C-alpha cells in the first residue's frame, strides 16, 4: 500500500466491509434477477468460508460447539427460506424473490454481534491477536450465515436449472 494511503487504511477497510454488507442485505429483499455465474462463484467462496470455519474449529476447540450449532441452524434456516422463495421464468430470464425475513435477520444478528464485540474492545490492539478472543457465539452466528447461504444458494441453483429446463426443453441438448 502506498504510504500516502496508509493513514486511510482503516477507513477504506471499513467502507469495503460496509459495502459488502450493503450488497448482502440488498440481496435479501425484492425480486432478484437470476445470475447463475454469480451464484456459482458465490457458492465457491462461501464453501471456502465454511472450510475456514471448520479449520478454526479444529484449531480452537472452545468454539467447536458454537460452530456446530451455527452450521445446523443455518442448514435448517436455509432449507426453510428456500421453501419460501418464489422462483419464476419470464421473457427468457429467471427471477426469484427471496424470503426477506430469514436472510435479513441473520445478517442483522451477525452485525449486532460484531458491533457488540467491537464496543467491548475485542478488536483493539493486542486483544485481537489472541486465540482466546475467538467467541463461540460470534463464530456460531458466522457459521449459521455461511451455511444458510450455502444451502439457500445451492437449492436455488438447482431449482432455477430445473425451471429453465421446463420452460426451454431444447436447452437439454
Protein backbone atom coordinates (compact mmCIF):
# COMPACT_ATOMS: atom_id res chain seq x y z
CA UNK A 1 0.00 0.00 0.00
CA UNK A 2 1.41 3.42 -0.87
CA UNK A 3 2.49 5.46 2.13
CA UNK A 4 0.02 8.21 1.23
CA UNK A 5 -2.93 5.80 1.69
CA UNK A 6 -1.68 4.18 4.91
CA UNK A 7 -3.49 6.60 7.27
CA UNK A 8 -6.75 5.89 5.45
CA UNK A 9 -6.47 2.09 5.52
CA UNK A 10 -8.88 1.58 8.47
CA UNK A 11 -11.47 3.81 6.83
CA UNK A 12 -11.08 2.10 3.45
CA UNK A 13 -11.38 -1.34 5.05
CA UNK A 14 -14.48 -0.25 6.98
CA UNK A 15 -16.01 1.18 3.81
CA UNK A 16 -15.30 -2.06 1.92
CA UNK A 17 -16.90 -4.15 4.67
CA UNK A 18 -19.86 -1.77 4.78
CA UNK A 19 -20.28 -2.07 1.01
CA UNK A 20 -20.19 -5.87 1.24
CA UNK A 21 -22.86 -5.87 3.93
CA UNK A 22 -24.99 -3.41 1.96
CA UNK A 23 -24.88 -5.74 -1.05
CA UNK A 24 -25.66 -8.74 1.18
CA UNK A 25 -28.66 -7.03 2.75
CA UNK A 26 -29.89 -5.71 -0.61
CA UNK A 27 -29.97 -9.28 -1.97
CA UNK A 28 -32.39 -10.24 0.80
CA UNK A 29 -35.22 -8.02 -0.40
CA UNK A 30 -37.37 -7.80 -3.51
CA UNK A 31 -37.37 -9.53 -6.85
CA UNK A 32 -33.89 -10.50 -7.99
CA UNK A 33 -32.63 -11.38 -11.45
CA UNK A 34 -31.18 -14.89 -11.64
CA UNK A 35 -27.44 -14.83 -12.37
CA UNK A 36 -26.12 -18.41 -12.46
CA UNK A 37 -22.44 -17.49 -12.87
CA UNK A 38 -22.51 -15.15 -9.87
CA UNK A 39 -24.35 -17.75 -7.84
CA UNK A 40 -21.76 -20.40 -8.69
CA UNK A 41 -18.89 -18.07 -7.77
CA UNK A 42 -20.66 -17.08 -4.56
CA UNK A 43 -21.20 -20.76 -3.68
CA UNK A 44 -17.49 -21.44 -4.22
CA UNK A 45 -16.49 -18.52 -1.97
CA UNK A 46 -19.00 -19.47 0.72
CA UNK A 47 -17.67 -23.04 0.60
CA UNK A 48 -14.17 -21.70 1.23
CA UNK A 49 -15.51 -19.70 4.19
CA UNK A 50 -17.17 -22.84 5.59
CA UNK A 51 -13.89 -24.74 5.26
CA UNK A 52 -12.21 -21.86 7.11
CA UNK A 53 -14.72 -22.14 9.94
CA UNK A 54 -14.17 -25.89 10.14
CA UNK A 55 -10.40 -25.33 10.30
CA UNK A 56 -10.95 -22.74 13.04
CA UNK A 57 -12.97 -25.32 14.95
CA UNK A 58 -10.12 -27.81 14.60
CA UNK A 59 -7.53 -25.39 15.99
CA UNK A 60 -9.74 -23.65 18.56
CA UNK A 61 -11.56 -26.41 20.45
CA UNK A 62 -13.53 -23.97 22.62
CA UNK A 63 -15.51 -22.79 19.55
CA UNK A 64 -16.46 -26.22 18.16
CA UNK A 65 -19.91 -26.28 19.77
CA UNK A 66 -20.75 -22.76 18.58
CA UNK A 67 -19.74 -23.55 15.00
CA UNK A 68 -21.56 -26.91 15.00
CA UNK A 69 -24.79 -25.39 16.33
CA UNK A 70 -24.43 -22.50 13.85
CA UNK A 71 -23.99 -24.84 10.90
CA UNK A 72 -27.01 -26.91 11.93
CA UNK A 73 -29.16 -23.81 12.43
CA UNK A 74 -28.01 -22.36 9.10
CA UNK A 75 -28.89 -25.56 7.23
CA UNK A 76 -32.37 -25.64 8.76
CA UNK A 77 -32.97 -21.93 8.12
CA UNK A 78 -31.58 -22.21 4.57
CA UNK A 79 -33.98 -25.04 3.77
CA UNK A 80 -36.88 -23.14 5.33
CA UNK A 81 -36.04 -19.97 3.40
CA UNK A 82 -35.67 -21.94 0.18
CA UNK A 83 -39.18 -23.33 0.62
CA UNK A 84 -40.43 -19.75 0.91
CA UNK A 85 -38.52 -18.37 -2.08
CA UNK A 86 -40.60 -17.72 -5.18
CA UNK A 87 -38.92 -18.56 -8.50
CA UNK A 88 -40.20 -17.82 -12.00
CA UNK A 89 -39.05 -17.70 -15.58
CA UNK A 90 -40.24 -14.71 -17.63
CA UNK A 91 -39.19 -13.44 -21.03
CA UNK A 92 -36.27 -15.83 -21.20
CA UNK A 93 -34.88 -14.71 -17.84
CA UNK A 94 -35.06 -16.31 -14.42
CA UNK A 95 -36.26 -14.29 -11.43
CA UNK A 96 -36.60 -15.11 -7.78
CA UNK A 97 -37.95 -13.37 -4.72
CA UNK A 98 -36.16 -14.50 -1.55
CA UNK A 99 -37.69 -14.69 1.88
CA UNK A 100 -36.56 -11.35 3.31
CA UNK A 101 -37.00 -12.13 6.98
CA UNK A 102 -34.61 -15.00 7.48
CA UNK A 103 -31.64 -13.67 5.49
CA UNK A 104 -32.13 -10.16 6.86
CA UNK A 105 -32.43 -11.39 10.44
CA UNK A 106 -29.24 -13.48 10.19
CA UNK A 107 -27.33 -10.57 8.70
CA UNK A 108 -28.53 -8.16 11.38
CA UNK A 109 -27.73 -10.71 14.07
CA UNK A 110 -24.14 -11.00 12.83
CA UNK A 111 -23.77 -7.21 12.51
CA UNK A 112 -25.19 -6.73 16.01
CA UNK A 113 -22.81 -9.31 17.47
CA UNK A 114 -19.81 -7.75 15.72
CA UNK A 115 -20.85 -4.29 16.95
CA UNK A 116 -21.19 -5.65 20.50
CA UNK A 117 -17.72 -7.20 20.36
CA UNK A 118 -16.26 -4.02 18.87
CA UNK A 119 -17.86 -1.89 21.60
CA UNK A 120 -16.34 -4.16 24.25
CA UNK A 121 -12.83 -3.83 22.79
CA UNK A 122 -12.48 -7.30 21.29
CA UNK A 123 -10.85 -5.96 18.11
CA UNK A 124 -8.47 -3.45 19.66
CA UNK A 125 -4.72 -3.76 19.89
CA UNK A 126 -3.21 -6.96 21.23
CA UNK A 127 -6.61 -8.36 22.24
CA UNK A 128 -7.40 -9.03 18.60
CA UNK A 129 -4.31 -11.20 18.24
CA UNK A 130 -5.09 -13.83 20.86
CA UNK A 131 -6.88 -17.08 20.07
CA UNK A 132 -8.85 -16.73 23.30
CA UNK A 133 -10.72 -13.80 21.76
CA UNK A 134 -12.45 -16.18 19.34
CA UNK A 135 -16.02 -16.22 20.55
CA UNK A 136 -18.15 -19.36 20.10
CA UNK A 137 -21.23 -17.15 19.74
CA UNK A 138 -19.71 -14.93 17.05
CA UNK A 139 -18.30 -17.87 15.10
CA UNK A 140 -21.60 -19.73 15.55
CA UNK A 141 -23.52 -16.83 14.04
CA UNK A 142 -20.99 -16.63 11.20
CA UNK A 143 -21.35 -20.41 10.65
CA UNK A 144 -25.14 -20.05 10.56
CA UNK A 145 -24.91 -17.28 7.97
CA UNK A 146 -22.40 -19.20 5.84
CA UNK A 147 -24.30 -22.50 5.92
CA UNK A 148 -27.60 -20.67 5.32
CA UNK A 149 -26.08 -19.02 2.23
CA UNK A 150 -24.67 -22.32 1.01
CA UNK A 151 -27.93 -24.28 1.37
CA UNK A 152 -30.09 -21.48 0.01
CA UNK A 153 -27.77 -20.75 -2.92
CA UNK A 154 -27.30 -24.40 -3.91
CA UNK A 155 -31.03 -25.08 -3.62
CA UNK A 156 -31.86 -22.03 -5.69
CA UNK A 157 -29.29 -23.06 -8.30
CA UNK A 158 -30.94 -26.47 -8.64
CA UNK A 159 -34.46 -25.03 -8.67
CA UNK A 160 -33.67 -22.46 -11.36
CA UNK A 161 -31.94 -25.05 -13.56
CA UNK A 162 -35.00 -27.31 -13.27
CA UNK A 163 -37.29 -24.38 -14.03
CA UNK A 164 -35.26 -23.36 -17.09
CA UNK A 165 -35.44 -26.94 -18.40
CA UNK A 166 -39.22 -26.92 -18.00
CA UNK A 167 -39.54 -23.63 -19.86
CA UNK A 168 -36.94 -24.45 -22.52
CA UNK A 169 -36.62 -28.23 -23.01
CA UNK A 170 -34.31 -27.75 -26.02
CA UNK A 171 -31.61 -26.47 -23.62
CA UNK A 172 -31.02 -30.09 -22.60
CA UNK A 173 -29.31 -30.85 -25.92
